[in-house]
Amino acid sequence: MKRNALLIGSFVLAALFIAIGALFWLSGSELFSKQQKASVYFDGNVSGLSVGAPVTFRGVTVGQVADIGILMDTASLKTTVPVTLNLQYSGLRLIGAPDQPLELPYLVQRGLRARLASQSIVTGQKAVELDFLPDSPATLHGLSDNPEIPVVGDRFDALIDQVADLPLRDTVGDVRLAVQELRTTLLTVQRTLDSSQAILVAASEEVRAVGTESRKTLMAATQAIQQVQVSADTTLRSITSLTQTTQQTVLAAQPELQATLMNARQAAETAKVAMTRIADIAAPGAPLRSDLESTVRDLSQAARSLRSLSELLEEKPNAIVFGNTRK
C-alpha cells in the first residue's frame, strides 16, 4: 500500500513539474517579467479596440490592452472610455543610466502620448500606439490609481472632421445638375452636327453637279476652239492660194491691174494677221485656254475637298468641334 502511494505521489510531482515547465515555455518566461499598468482615457469612439490588442511604441509591441470600460457623467451624459494597459519593460534598454527606474510620469512629462492606430483597414481592428510628442497638449483626467498617459487625436481625425463639415448633399446636387446640363448641351451639339452634316451633303451634291457642268462646258469650248483653228487653217491656205493666183494674173495682165493687185495684197496680209491672232488664241498655250483649264482644275479640286469633308463628317460627326484626329 505504501509502495502504491509512493508511485502515485511521484507521478503527481512529475506531472506538476511538466505543467510548470510547459507554462514557462508557453509564456516565454514573461510571468515574472517587470510590468507596469497604465491608464488612458479616450473621449471618442474606440470601435475596433478589444482586450488583448497590442500596445506598440514606434512599431514595437511593448504591451497589451488589459481592460476597457466606460464612464458616463449623469449630468451632461458625456462618456469617457478608460483603457487599462499592461506595459512590459523587457525589451527596453536605457542608455546612460541603466539603473534608473522607468517612471511613466517622467516619460509623460517628456512628451509620451497615446493614440488609437489602425491595425487593418479590412478588419477595422485598432491598437494603442505610444510615441513622444512633446509639442502636443497633455490632458489628464486623474480618475485612476495607475499612471495616466495623455491621449492625442489620430492623424486622420482633422481630415475626417473637415470631410464631415463639407456640404456633400449640396455638392452632389450641383454635380447632378451639371451632368444634366452637360447632357442637354451634348444633345444640342449632336442635333447641330446632324444639321451641318445634311447641309454639307447637299452642298457637296451641288458642287459635284457644278463641277460636272463645268467639265461639259470646257469640253464644248475645247471642241469649238479646235473647229475654229481648223477653219482658220483652211481659210489661210485658201487665201495663200488666191494670192498666188492673183499674182500670176497680175503679171500676165495689163499694167492697170497693178493697183488692184496691191490692194488685194494688203487685204490678204490683213486677213493673215487676223488668222494668226485667231490661231494664237486657239493654240494650246494661249492665255485664254490656260485660264479656262485652270478654272476647271480649281473646280475639280474644290469638288474633291468637299467630297473628303463629307466623308470625314459621315465617319466622325464631331470633327467640326474637336478637329480631325484621323491619321
C-alpha atoms as a PDB file:
ATOM      1  CA  MET A   1       0.000   0.000   0.000  1.00  0.00           C
ATOM      2  CA  LYS A   2       2.818   2.401   0.861  1.00  0.00           C
ATOM      3  CA  ARG A   3       4.519   1.476  -2.361  1.00  0.00           C
ATOM      4  CA  ASN A   4       1.418   2.437  -4.414  1.00  0.00           C
ATOM      5  CA  ALA A   5       1.132   5.737  -2.586  1.00  0.00           C
ATOM      6  CA  LEU A   6       4.793   6.499  -3.342  1.00  0.00           C
ATOM      7  CA  LEU A   7       4.276   5.769  -7.039  1.00  0.00           C
ATOM      8  CA  ILE A   8       1.172   7.944  -7.166  1.00  0.00           C
ATOM      9  CA  GLY A   9       2.968  10.791  -5.433  1.00  0.00           C
ATOM     10  CA  SER A  10       5.895  10.509  -7.860  1.00  0.00           C
ATOM     11  CA  PHE A  11       3.547  10.680 -10.846  1.00  0.00           C
ATOM     12  CA  VAL A  12       1.763  13.728  -9.396  1.00  0.00           C
ATOM     13  CA  LEU A  13       5.054  15.569  -8.769  1.00  0.00           C
ATOM     14  CA  ALA A  14       6.309  14.729 -12.262  1.00  0.00           C
ATOM     15  CA  ALA A  15       3.065  15.980 -13.825  1.00  0.00           C
ATOM     16  CA  LEU A  16       3.280  19.156 -11.729  1.00  0.00           C
ATOM     17  CA  PHE A  17       6.858  19.822 -12.852  1.00  0.00           C
ATOM     18  CA  ILE A  18       5.858  19.171 -16.515  1.00  0.00           C
ATOM     19  CA  ALA A  19       2.909  21.581 -16.223  1.00  0.00           C
ATOM     20  CA  ILE A  20       5.115  24.276 -14.696  1.00  0.00           C
ATOM     21  CA  GLY A  21       7.728  23.809 -17.420  1.00  0.00           C
ATOM     22  CA  ALA A  22       5.086  23.966 -20.140  1.00  0.00           C
ATOM     23  CA  LEU A  23       3.670  27.123 -18.572  1.00  0.00           C
ATOM     24  CA  PHE A  24       7.108  28.741 -18.593  1.00  0.00           C
ATOM     25  CA  TRP A  25       7.688  27.638 -22.183  1.00  0.00           C
ATOM     26  CA  LEU A  26       4.347  28.896 -23.498  1.00  0.00           C
ATOM     27  CA  SER A  27       4.519  32.202 -21.659  1.00  0.00           C
ATOM     28  CA  GLY A  28       8.084  32.869 -22.788  1.00  0.00           C
ATOM     29  CA  SER A  29       9.182  33.451 -19.193  1.00  0.00           C
ATOM     30  CA  GLU A  30       7.067  36.605 -19.042  1.00  0.00           C
ATOM     31  CA  LEU A  31       5.160  35.692 -15.936  1.00  0.00           C
ATOM     32  CA  PHE A  32       7.859  37.181 -13.757  1.00  0.00           C
ATOM     33  CA  SER A  33       8.940  39.940 -16.069  1.00  0.00           C
ATOM     34  CA  LYS A  34       8.546  43.518 -14.919  1.00  0.00           C
ATOM     35  CA  GLN A  35       5.206  45.032 -15.919  1.00  0.00           C
ATOM     36  CA  GLN A  36       3.637  48.440 -15.464  1.00  0.00           C
ATOM     37  CA  LYS A  37      -0.071  49.218 -15.530  1.00  0.00           C
ATOM     38  CA  ALA A  38      -1.143  52.469 -17.139  1.00  0.00           C
ATOM     39  CA  SER A  39      -4.448  54.110 -17.943  1.00  0.00           C
ATOM     40  CA  VAL A  40      -5.549  56.113 -20.957  1.00  0.00           C
ATOM     41  CA  TYR A  41      -8.880  57.865 -21.434  1.00  0.00           C
ATOM     42  CA  PHE A  42     -10.444  58.185 -24.886  1.00  0.00           C
ATOM     43  CA  ASP A  43     -13.203  60.746 -25.357  1.00  0.00           C
ATOM     44  CA  GLY A  44     -14.224  59.459 -28.771  1.00  0.00           C
ATOM     45  CA  ASN A  45     -15.239  56.176 -30.378  1.00  0.00           C
ATOM     46  CA  VAL A  46     -12.867  53.228 -29.798  1.00  0.00           C
ATOM     47  CA  SER A  47     -14.581  50.851 -32.235  1.00  0.00           C
ATOM     48  CA  GLY A  48     -12.175  48.061 -33.201  1.00  0.00           C
ATOM     49  CA  LEU A  49     -10.206  48.150 -29.937  1.00  0.00           C
ATOM     50  CA  SER A  50     -10.532  44.985 -27.843  1.00  0.00           C
ATOM     51  CA  VAL A  51      -8.940  43.393 -24.785  1.00  0.00           C
ATOM     52  CA  GLY A  52      -5.653  41.799 -25.790  1.00  0.00           C
ATOM     53  CA  ALA A  53      -4.988  44.343 -28.536  1.00  0.00           C
ATOM     54  CA  PRO A  54      -1.293  45.216 -28.785  1.00  0.00           C
ATOM     55  CA  VAL A  55       0.293  48.347 -27.390  1.00  0.00           C
ATOM     56  CA  THR A  56       3.143  49.483 -29.650  1.00  0.00           C
ATOM     57  CA  PHE A  57       5.887  52.039 -29.452  1.00  0.00           C
ATOM     58  CA  ARG A  58       7.034  53.046 -32.928  1.00  0.00           C
ATOM     59  CA  GLY A  59       6.070  49.658 -34.309  1.00  0.00           C
ATOM     60  CA  VAL A  60       7.477  47.540 -31.437  1.00  0.00           C
ATOM     61  CA  THR A  61       4.992  45.733 -29.199  1.00  0.00           C
ATOM     62  CA  VAL A  62       5.532  46.827 -25.585  1.00  0.00           C
ATOM     63  CA  GLY A  63       2.321  45.573 -24.003  1.00  0.00           C
ATOM     64  CA  GLN A  64      -1.336  44.814 -24.471  1.00  0.00           C
ATOM     65  CA  VAL A  65      -4.775  46.117 -23.573  1.00  0.00           C
ATOM     66  CA  ALA A  66      -5.877  44.620 -20.262  1.00  0.00           C
ATOM     67  CA  ASP A  67      -9.293  46.205 -19.733  1.00  0.00           C
ATOM     68  CA  ILE A  68     -11.775  48.509 -21.479  1.00  0.00           C
ATOM     69  CA  GLY A  69     -14.565  50.286 -19.617  1.00  0.00           C
ATOM     70  CA  ILE A  70     -16.848  53.267 -19.921  1.00  0.00           C
ATOM     71  CA  LEU A  71     -17.512  56.279 -17.689  1.00  0.00           C
ATOM     72  CA  MET A  72     -20.624  58.439 -18.037  1.00  0.00           C
ATOM     73  CA  ASP A  73     -21.409  61.788 -16.484  1.00  0.00           C
ATOM     74  CA  THR A  74     -25.054  61.606 -15.381  1.00  0.00           C
ATOM     75  CA  ALA A  75     -25.467  65.377 -15.610  1.00  0.00           C
ATOM     76  CA  SER A  76     -24.065  66.033 -19.086  1.00  0.00           C
ATOM     77  CA  LEU A  77     -24.248  62.418 -20.389  1.00  0.00           C
ATOM     78  CA  LYS A  78     -20.664  62.840 -21.561  1.00  0.00           C
ATOM     79  CA  THR A  79     -18.905  59.481 -21.860  1.00  0.00           C
ATOM     80  CA  THR A  80     -15.251  58.588 -21.498  1.00  0.00           C
ATOM     81  CA  VAL A  81     -13.679  55.237 -22.320  1.00  0.00           C
ATOM     82  CA  PRO A  82     -10.949  54.242 -19.809  1.00  0.00           C
ATOM     83  CA  VAL A  83      -8.474  51.686 -21.148  1.00  0.00           C
ATOM     84  CA  THR A  84      -6.013  49.847 -18.878  1.00  0.00           C
ATOM     85  CA  LEU A  85      -2.667  48.906 -20.414  1.00  0.00           C
ATOM     86  CA  ASN A  86      -0.129  46.308 -19.312  1.00  0.00           C
ATOM     87  CA  LEU A  87       3.298  47.599 -20.320  1.00  0.00           C
ATOM     88  CA  GLN A  88       6.376  45.341 -20.329  1.00  0.00           C
ATOM     89  CA  TYR A  89       9.879  46.689 -19.925  1.00  0.00           C
ATOM     90  CA  SER A  90      11.708  43.543 -21.000  1.00  0.00           C
ATOM     91  CA  GLY A  91      12.615  44.907 -24.433  1.00  0.00           C
ATOM     92  CA  LEU A  92      13.507  48.414 -23.245  1.00  0.00           C
ATOM     93  CA  ARG A  93      17.188  49.328 -22.878  1.00  0.00           C
ATOM     94  CA  LEU A  94      18.236  52.556 -21.196  1.00  0.00           C
ATOM     95  CA  ILE A  95      21.386  54.324 -22.354  1.00  0.00           C
ATOM     96  CA  GLY A  96      23.422  56.373 -19.909  1.00  0.00           C
ATOM     97  CA  ALA A  97      21.511  55.371 -16.743  1.00  0.00           C
ATOM     98  CA  PRO A  98      20.704  51.645 -16.883  1.00  0.00           C
ATOM     99  CA  ASP A  99      19.915  51.508 -13.155  1.00  0.00           C
ATOM    100  CA  GLN A 100      17.471  54.429 -13.204  1.00  0.00           C
ATOM    101  CA  PRO A 101      13.857  53.296 -12.668  1.00  0.00           C
ATOM    102  CA  LEU A 102      11.499  53.853 -15.585  1.00  0.00           C
ATOM    103  CA  GLU A 103       8.691  56.088 -14.331  1.00  0.00           C
ATOM    104  CA  LEU A 104       5.697  56.855 -16.542  1.00  0.00           C
ATOM    105  CA  PRO A 105       5.006  60.329 -15.068  1.00  0.00           C
ATOM    106  CA  TYR A 106       8.522  61.355 -16.022  1.00  0.00           C
ATOM    107  CA  LEU A 107       8.032  59.996 -19.560  1.00  0.00           C
ATOM    108  CA  VAL A 108       4.661  61.751 -19.817  1.00  0.00           C
ATOM    109  CA  GLN A 109       6.318  64.961 -18.770  1.00  0.00           C
ATOM    110  CA  ARG A 110       8.865  64.456 -21.545  1.00  0.00           C
ATOM    111  CA  GLY A 111       6.058  64.050 -24.110  1.00  0.00           C
ATOM    112  CA  LEU A 112       4.849  60.425 -24.023  1.00  0.00           C
ATOM    113  CA  ARG A 113       1.392  60.247 -25.605  1.00  0.00           C
ATOM    114  CA  ALA A 114      -1.075  57.523 -26.620  1.00  0.00           C
ATOM    115  CA  ARG A 115      -3.445  57.344 -29.570  1.00  0.00           C
ATOM    116  CA  LEU A 116      -5.550  54.825 -31.470  1.00  0.00           C
ATOM    117  CA  ALA A 117      -3.916  53.279 -34.534  1.00  0.00           C
ATOM    118  CA  SER A 118      -5.484  51.056 -37.179  1.00  0.00           C
ATOM    119  CA  GLN A 119      -4.091  47.529 -37.411  1.00  0.00           C
ATOM    120  CA  SER A 120      -6.015  46.503 -40.520  1.00  0.00           C
ATOM    121  CA  ILE A 121      -8.197  48.505 -42.865  1.00  0.00           C
ATOM    122  CA  VAL A 122     -10.057  45.333 -43.850  1.00  0.00           C
ATOM    123  CA  THR A 123     -10.954  44.096 -40.351  1.00  0.00           C
ATOM    124  CA  GLY A 124     -11.028  47.522 -38.677  1.00  0.00           C
ATOM    125  CA  GLN A 125      -9.045  46.304 -35.658  1.00  0.00           C
ATOM    126  CA  LYS A 126      -7.337  49.002 -33.600  1.00  0.00           C
ATOM    127  CA  ALA A 127      -4.277  49.114 -31.381  1.00  0.00           C
ATOM    128  CA  VAL A 128      -2.853  51.642 -28.919  1.00  0.00           C
ATOM    129  CA  GLU A 129       0.231  53.407 -30.202  1.00  0.00           C
ATOM    130  CA  LEU A 130       2.705  55.212 -27.894  1.00  0.00           C
ATOM    131  CA  ASP A 131       5.127  57.882 -29.026  1.00  0.00           C
ATOM    132  CA  PHE A 132       6.901  61.005 -27.833  1.00  0.00           C
ATOM    133  CA  LEU A 133       5.060  64.138 -28.945  1.00  0.00           C
ATOM    134  CA  PRO A 134       6.410  66.900 -26.697  1.00  0.00           C
ATOM    135  CA  ASP A 135       4.587  69.672 -28.592  1.00  0.00           C
ATOM    136  CA  SER A 136       1.128  68.148 -28.065  1.00  0.00           C
ATOM    137  CA  PRO A 137      -1.018  69.207 -25.079  1.00  0.00           C
ATOM    138  CA  ALA A 138      -1.276  66.827 -22.101  1.00  0.00           C
ATOM    139  CA  THR A 139      -4.837  66.462 -20.788  1.00  0.00           C
ATOM    140  CA  LEU A 140      -5.057  64.265 -17.673  1.00  0.00           C
ATOM    141  CA  HIS A 141      -8.313  63.044 -16.097  1.00  0.00           C
ATOM    142  CA  GLY A 142      -6.894  61.816 -12.771  1.00  0.00           C
ATOM    143  CA  LEU A 143      -9.543  59.126 -12.307  1.00  0.00           C
ATOM    144  CA  SER A 144      -7.271  56.115 -11.831  1.00  0.00           C
ATOM    145  CA  ASP A 145      -4.636  54.968  -9.366  1.00  0.00           C
ATOM    146  CA  ASN A 146      -2.460  53.842 -12.284  1.00  0.00           C
ATOM    147  CA  PRO A 147      -0.165  56.292 -14.043  1.00  0.00           C
ATOM    148  CA  GLU A 148      -2.116  58.057 -16.792  1.00  0.00           C
ATOM    149  CA  ILE A 149      -0.852  58.614 -20.351  1.00  0.00           C
ATOM    150  CA  PRO A 150      -2.455  61.585 -22.162  1.00  0.00           C
ATOM    151  CA  VAL A 151      -4.294  60.867 -25.378  1.00  0.00           C
ATOM    152  CA  VAL A 152      -3.805  62.714 -28.681  1.00  0.00           C
ATOM    153  CA  GLY A 153      -6.037  62.575 -31.735  1.00  0.00           C
ATOM    154  CA  ASP A 154      -5.426  60.279 -34.664  1.00  0.00           C
ATOM    155  CA  ARG A 155      -3.562  61.589 -37.685  1.00  0.00           C
ATOM    156  CA  PHE A 156      -6.708  61.490 -39.784  1.00  0.00           C
ATOM    157  CA  ASP A 157      -9.135  62.995 -37.251  1.00  0.00           C
ATOM    158  CA  ALA A 158      -8.710  66.517 -38.629  1.00  0.00           C
ATOM    159  CA  LEU A 159      -9.239  65.263 -42.173  1.00  0.00           C
ATOM    160  CA  ILE A 160     -12.349  63.321 -41.134  1.00  0.00           C
ATOM    161  CA  ASP A 161     -13.746  66.399 -39.384  1.00  0.00           C
ATOM    162  CA  GLN A 162     -13.157  68.507 -42.461  1.00  0.00           C
ATOM    163  CA  VAL A 163     -14.862  65.927 -44.676  1.00  0.00           C
ATOM    164  CA  ALA A 164     -17.781  65.768 -42.261  1.00  0.00           C
ATOM    165  CA  ASP A 165     -18.157  69.569 -42.473  1.00  0.00           C
ATOM    166  CA  LEU A 166     -18.319  69.533 -46.268  1.00  0.00           C
ATOM    167  CA  PRO A 167     -21.766  70.155 -47.822  1.00  0.00           C
ATOM    168  CA  LEU A 168     -21.767  66.814 -49.573  1.00  0.00           C
ATOM    169  CA  ARG A 169     -25.510  66.829 -50.321  1.00  0.00           C
ATOM    170  CA  ASP A 170     -25.327  70.244 -51.989  1.00  0.00           C
ATOM    171  CA  THR A 171     -22.195  69.229 -53.849  1.00  0.00           C
ATOM    172  CA  VAL A 172     -23.845  66.047 -55.159  1.00  0.00           C
ATOM    173  CA  GLY A 173     -26.876  68.100 -56.239  1.00  0.00           C
ATOM    174  CA  ASP A 174     -24.647  70.572 -58.069  1.00  0.00           C
ATOM    175  CA  VAL A 175     -22.769  67.760 -59.778  1.00  0.00           C
ATOM    176  CA  ARG A 176     -26.052  66.113 -60.810  1.00  0.00           C
ATOM    177  CA  LEU A 177     -27.336  69.428 -62.223  1.00  0.00           C
ATOM    178  CA  ALA A 178     -24.068  69.964 -64.077  1.00  0.00           C
ATOM    179  CA  VAL A 179     -24.318  66.473 -65.584  1.00  0.00           C
ATOM    180  CA  GLN A 180     -27.871  67.176 -66.749  1.00  0.00           C
ATOM    181  CA  GLU A 181     -26.807  70.474 -68.327  1.00  0.00           C
ATOM    182  CA  LEU A 182     -23.870  68.738 -69.980  1.00  0.00           C
ATOM    183  CA  ARG A 183     -26.209  66.066 -71.355  1.00  0.00           C
ATOM    184  CA  THR A 184     -28.529  68.771 -72.754  1.00  0.00           C
ATOM    185  CA  THR A 185     -25.567  70.550 -74.330  1.00  0.00           C
ATOM    186  CA  LEU A 186     -24.337  67.326 -75.920  1.00  0.00           C
ATOM    187  CA  LEU A 187     -27.790  66.649 -77.368  1.00  0.00           C
ATOM    188  CA  THR A 188     -27.885  70.167 -78.813  1.00  0.00           C
ATOM    189  CA  VAL A 189     -24.430  69.733 -80.307  1.00  0.00           C
ATOM    190  CA  GLN A 190     -25.500  66.381 -81.769  1.00  0.00           C
ATOM    191  CA  ARG A 191     -28.523  67.974 -83.423  1.00  0.00           C
ATOM    192  CA  THR A 192     -26.335  70.802 -84.766  1.00  0.00           C
ATOM    193  CA  LEU A 193     -23.849  68.309 -86.167  1.00  0.00           C
ATOM    194  CA  ASP A 194     -26.650  66.342 -87.824  1.00  0.00           C
ATOM    195  CA  SER A 195     -27.996  69.550 -89.439  1.00  0.00           C
ATOM    196  CA  SER A 196     -24.492  70.559 -90.528  1.00  0.00           C
ATOM    197  CA  GLN A 197     -23.930  67.129 -91.999  1.00  0.00           C
ATOM    198  CA  ALA A 198     -27.142  67.355 -94.008  1.00  0.00           C
ATOM    199  CA  ILE A 199     -26.207  70.846 -95.236  1.00  0.00           C
ATOM    200  CA  LEU A 200     -22.718  69.703 -96.203  1.00  0.00           C
ATOM    201  CA  VAL A 201     -24.099  66.685 -98.055  1.00  0.00           C
ATOM    202  CA  ALA A 202     -26.461  68.945-100.015  1.00  0.00           C
ATOM    203  CA  ALA A 203     -23.651  71.413-100.741  1.00  0.00           C
ATOM    204  CA  SER A 204     -21.413  68.567-101.844  1.00  0.00           C
ATOM    205  CA  GLU A 205     -24.054  67.364-104.281  1.00  0.00           C
ATOM    206  CA  GLU A 206     -24.480  70.884-105.674  1.00  0.00           C
ATOM    207  CA  VAL A 207     -20.726  71.379-106.059  1.00  0.00           C
ATOM    208  CA  ARG A 208     -20.474  67.980-107.717  1.00  0.00           C
ATOM    209  CA  ALA A 209     -23.190  68.978-110.157  1.00  0.00           C
ATOM    210  CA  VAL A 210     -21.457  72.321-110.844  1.00  0.00           C
ATOM    211  CA  GLY A 211     -18.183  70.502-111.458  1.00  0.00           C
ATOM    212  CA  THR A 212     -19.885  68.162-113.939  1.00  0.00           C
ATOM    213  CA  GLU A 213     -21.474  71.066-115.820  1.00  0.00           C
ATOM    214  CA  SER A 214     -18.174  72.952-115.843  1.00  0.00           C
ATOM    215  CA  ARG A 215     -16.412  69.909-117.268  1.00  0.00           C
ATOM    216  CA  LYS A 216     -19.006  69.621-120.018  1.00  0.00           C
ATOM    217  CA  THR A 217     -18.694  73.354-120.787  1.00  0.00           C
ATOM    218  CA  LEU A 218     -14.916  73.094-121.014  1.00  0.00           C
ATOM    219  CA  MET A 219     -15.150  70.141-123.369  1.00  0.00           C
ATOM    220  CA  ALA A 220     -17.595  72.041-125.599  1.00  0.00           C
ATOM    221  CA  ALA A 221     -15.352  75.125-125.579  1.00  0.00           C
ATOM    222  CA  THR A 222     -12.316  72.998-126.453  1.00  0.00           C
ATOM    223  CA  GLN A 223     -14.145  71.426-129.391  1.00  0.00           C
ATOM    224  CA  ALA A 224     -15.279  74.864-130.609  1.00  0.00           C
ATOM    225  CA  ILE A 225     -11.720  76.214-130.400  1.00  0.00           C
ATOM    226  CA  GLN A 226     -10.443  73.205-132.329  1.00  0.00           C
ATOM    227  CA  GLN A 227     -13.069  73.759-135.032  1.00  0.00           C
ATOM    228  CA  VAL A 228     -12.135  77.484-135.235  1.00  0.00           C
ATOM    229  CA  GLN A 229      -8.466  76.522-135.568  1.00  0.00           C
ATOM    230  CA  VAL A 230      -9.239  74.062-138.402  1.00  0.00           C
ATOM    231  CA  SER A 231     -11.387  76.670-140.165  1.00  0.00           C
ATOM    232  CA  ALA A 232      -8.668  79.289-139.769  1.00  0.00           C
ATOM    233  CA  ASP A 233      -6.053  76.957-141.258  1.00  0.00           C
ATOM    234  CA  THR A 234      -8.312  76.199-144.210  1.00  0.00           C
ATOM    235  CA  THR A 235      -9.028  79.881-144.744  1.00  0.00           C
ATOM    236  CA  LEU A 236      -5.332  80.716-144.561  1.00  0.00           C
ATOM    237  CA  ARG A 237      -4.463  78.107-147.159  1.00  0.00           C
ATOM    238  CA  SER A 238      -7.241  79.397-149.429  1.00  0.00           C
ATOM    239  CA  ILE A 239      -6.038  82.966-149.101  1.00  0.00           C
ATOM    240  CA  THR A 240      -2.479  81.912-149.859  1.00  0.00           C
ATOM    241  CA  SER A 241      -3.612  80.060-152.976  1.00  0.00           C
ATOM    242  CA  LEU A 242      -5.719  83.030-154.048  1.00  0.00           C
ATOM    243  CA  THR A 243      -2.764  85.339-153.540  1.00  0.00           C
ATOM    244  CA  GLN A 244      -0.536  83.233-155.727  1.00  0.00           C
ATOM    245  CA  THR A 245      -3.210  83.035-158.448  1.00  0.00           C
ATOM    246  CA  THR A 246      -3.781  86.748-158.239  1.00  0.00           C
ATOM    247  CA  GLN A 247      -0.050  87.406-158.538  1.00  0.00           C
ATOM    248  CA  GLN A 248       0.197  85.306-161.663  1.00  0.00           C
ATOM    249  CA  THR A 249      -2.835  87.024-163.115  1.00  0.00           C
ATOM    250  CA  VAL A 250      -1.379  90.454-162.378  1.00  0.00           C
ATOM    251  CA  LEU A 251       1.924  89.562-164.005  1.00  0.00           C
ATOM    252  CA  ALA A 252       0.123  88.357-167.128  1.00  0.00           C
ATOM    253  CA  ALA A 253      -2.450  91.138-167.177  1.00  0.00           C
ATOM    254  CA  GLN A 254      -2.331  94.757-168.085  1.00  0.00           C
ATOM    255  CA  PRO A 255      -0.311  97.253-166.028  1.00  0.00           C
ATOM    256  CA  GLU A 256      -3.563  98.815-164.884  1.00  0.00           C
ATOM    257  CA  LEU A 257      -4.193  95.799-162.674  1.00  0.00           C
ATOM    258  CA  GLN A 258      -1.111  96.501-160.527  1.00  0.00           C
ATOM    259  CA  ALA A 259      -3.026  98.908-158.334  1.00  0.00           C
ATOM    260  CA  THR A 260      -5.764  96.323-157.841  1.00  0.00           C
ATOM    261  CA  LEU A 261      -3.152  93.673-157.008  1.00  0.00           C
ATOM    262  CA  MET A 262      -1.547  95.868-154.414  1.00  0.00           C
ATOM    263  CA  ASN A 263      -4.927  96.398-152.759  1.00  0.00           C
ATOM    264  CA  ALA A 264      -5.615  92.681-152.798  1.00  0.00           C
ATOM    265  CA  ARG A 265      -2.179  92.004-151.295  1.00  0.00           C
ATOM    266  CA  GLN A 266      -2.852  94.408-148.451  1.00  0.00           C
ATOM    267  CA  ALA A 267      -6.200  92.735-147.812  1.00  0.00           C
ATOM    268  CA  ALA A 268      -4.541  89.311-147.785  1.00  0.00           C
ATOM    269  CA  GLU A 269      -1.884  90.448-145.316  1.00  0.00           C
ATOM    270  CA  THR A 270      -4.576  91.876-143.050  1.00  0.00           C
ATOM    271  CA  ALA A 271      -6.516  88.624-143.220  1.00  0.00           C
ATOM    272  CA  LYS A 272      -3.327  86.660-142.483  1.00  0.00           C
ATOM    273  CA  VAL A 273      -2.629  88.751-139.391  1.00  0.00           C
ATOM    274  CA  ALA A 274      -6.200  88.181-138.234  1.00  0.00           C
ATOM    275  CA  MET A 275      -5.933  84.425-138.768  1.00  0.00           C
ATOM    276  CA  THR A 276      -2.614  84.386-136.929  1.00  0.00           C
ATOM    277  CA  ARG A 277      -4.212  86.091-133.930  1.00  0.00           C
ATOM    278  CA  ILE A 278      -7.092  83.619-134.028  1.00  0.00           C
ATOM    279  CA  ALA A 279      -4.585  80.758-134.178  1.00  0.00           C
ATOM    280  CA  ASP A 280      -2.665  82.250-131.218  1.00  0.00           C
ATOM    281  CA  ILE A 281      -5.878  82.452-129.199  1.00  0.00           C
ATOM    282  CA  ALA A 282      -6.803  78.862-130.078  1.00  0.00           C
ATOM    283  CA  ALA A 283      -3.275  77.473-129.527  1.00  0.00           C
ATOM    284  CA  PRO A 284      -2.755  75.020-126.569  1.00  0.00           C
ATOM    285  CA  GLY A 285      -0.553  77.529-124.698  1.00  0.00           C
ATOM    286  CA  ALA A 286      -2.808  80.540-125.207  1.00  0.00           C
ATOM    287  CA  PRO A 287      -3.716  82.598-122.048  1.00  0.00           C
ATOM    288  CA  LEU A 288      -7.467  82.237-122.618  1.00  0.00           C
ATOM    289  CA  ARG A 289      -7.233  78.470-122.887  1.00  0.00           C
ATOM    290  CA  SER A 290      -4.907  78.301-119.851  1.00  0.00           C
ATOM    291  CA  ASP A 291      -7.387  80.345-117.814  1.00  0.00           C
ATOM    292  CA  LEU A 292     -10.213  78.003-118.779  1.00  0.00           C
ATOM    293  CA  GLU A 293      -8.171  74.907-117.903  1.00  0.00           C
ATOM    294  CA  SER A 294      -7.066  76.483-114.535  1.00  0.00           C
ATOM    295  CA  THR A 295     -10.680  77.269-113.712  1.00  0.00           C
ATOM    296  CA  VAL A 296     -11.718  73.698-114.430  1.00  0.00           C
ATOM    297  CA  ARG A 297      -8.874  72.338-112.262  1.00  0.00           C
ATOM    298  CA  ASP A 298      -9.835  74.628-109.363  1.00  0.00           C
ATOM    299  CA  LEU A 299     -13.450  73.475-109.599  1.00  0.00           C
ATOM    300  CA  SER A 300     -12.337  69.820-109.635  1.00  0.00           C
ATOM    301  CA  GLN A 301     -10.072  70.398-106.566  1.00  0.00           C
ATOM    302  CA  ALA A 302     -12.929  72.125-104.704  1.00  0.00           C
ATOM    303  CA  ALA A 303     -15.226  69.198-105.518  1.00  0.00           C
ATOM    304  CA  ARG A 304     -12.646  66.718-104.172  1.00  0.00           C
ATOM    305  CA  SER A 305     -12.163  68.771-100.958  1.00  0.00           C
ATOM    306  CA  LEU A 306     -15.894  68.889-100.315  1.00  0.00           C
ATOM    307  CA  ARG A 307     -16.160  65.152-101.007  1.00  0.00           C
ATOM    308  CA  SER A 308     -13.362  64.497 -98.438  1.00  0.00           C
ATOM    309  CA  LEU A 309     -15.090  66.759 -95.885  1.00  0.00           C
ATOM    310  CA  SER A 310     -18.381  64.936 -96.457  1.00  0.00           C
ATOM    311  CA  GLU A 311     -16.721  61.543 -95.940  1.00  0.00           C
ATOM    312  CA  LEU A 312     -14.993  62.798 -92.748  1.00  0.00           C
ATOM    313  CA  LEU A 313     -18.298  64.084 -91.318  1.00  0.00           C
ATOM    314  CA  GLU A 314     -20.008  60.798 -92.149  1.00  0.00           C
ATOM    315  CA  GLU A 315     -17.259  58.951 -90.272  1.00  0.00           C
ATOM    316  CA  LYS A 316     -16.833  61.415 -87.354  1.00  0.00           C
ATOM    317  CA  PRO A 317     -19.721  63.872 -86.941  1.00  0.00           C
ATOM    318  CA  ASN A 318     -17.923  65.650 -84.067  1.00  0.00           C
ATOM    319  CA  ALA A 319     -14.897  66.582 -86.235  1.00  0.00           C
ATOM    320  CA  ILE A 320     -16.180  70.177 -86.571  1.00  0.00           C
ATOM    321  CA  VAL A 321     -15.968  70.631 -82.760  1.00  0.00           C
ATOM    322  CA  PHE A 322     -12.903  68.523 -81.839  1.00  0.00           C
ATOM    323  CA  GLY A 323     -10.996  68.680 -85.139  1.00  0.00           C
ATOM    324  CA  ASN A 324      -9.776  65.956 -87.429  1.00  0.00           C
ATOM    325  CA  THR A 325      -7.835  63.338 -85.364  1.00  0.00           C
ATOM    326  CA  ARG A 326      -7.888  60.767 -88.082  1.00  0.00           C
ATOM    327  CA  LYS A 327      -4.380  59.571 -89.051  1.00  0.00           C
END
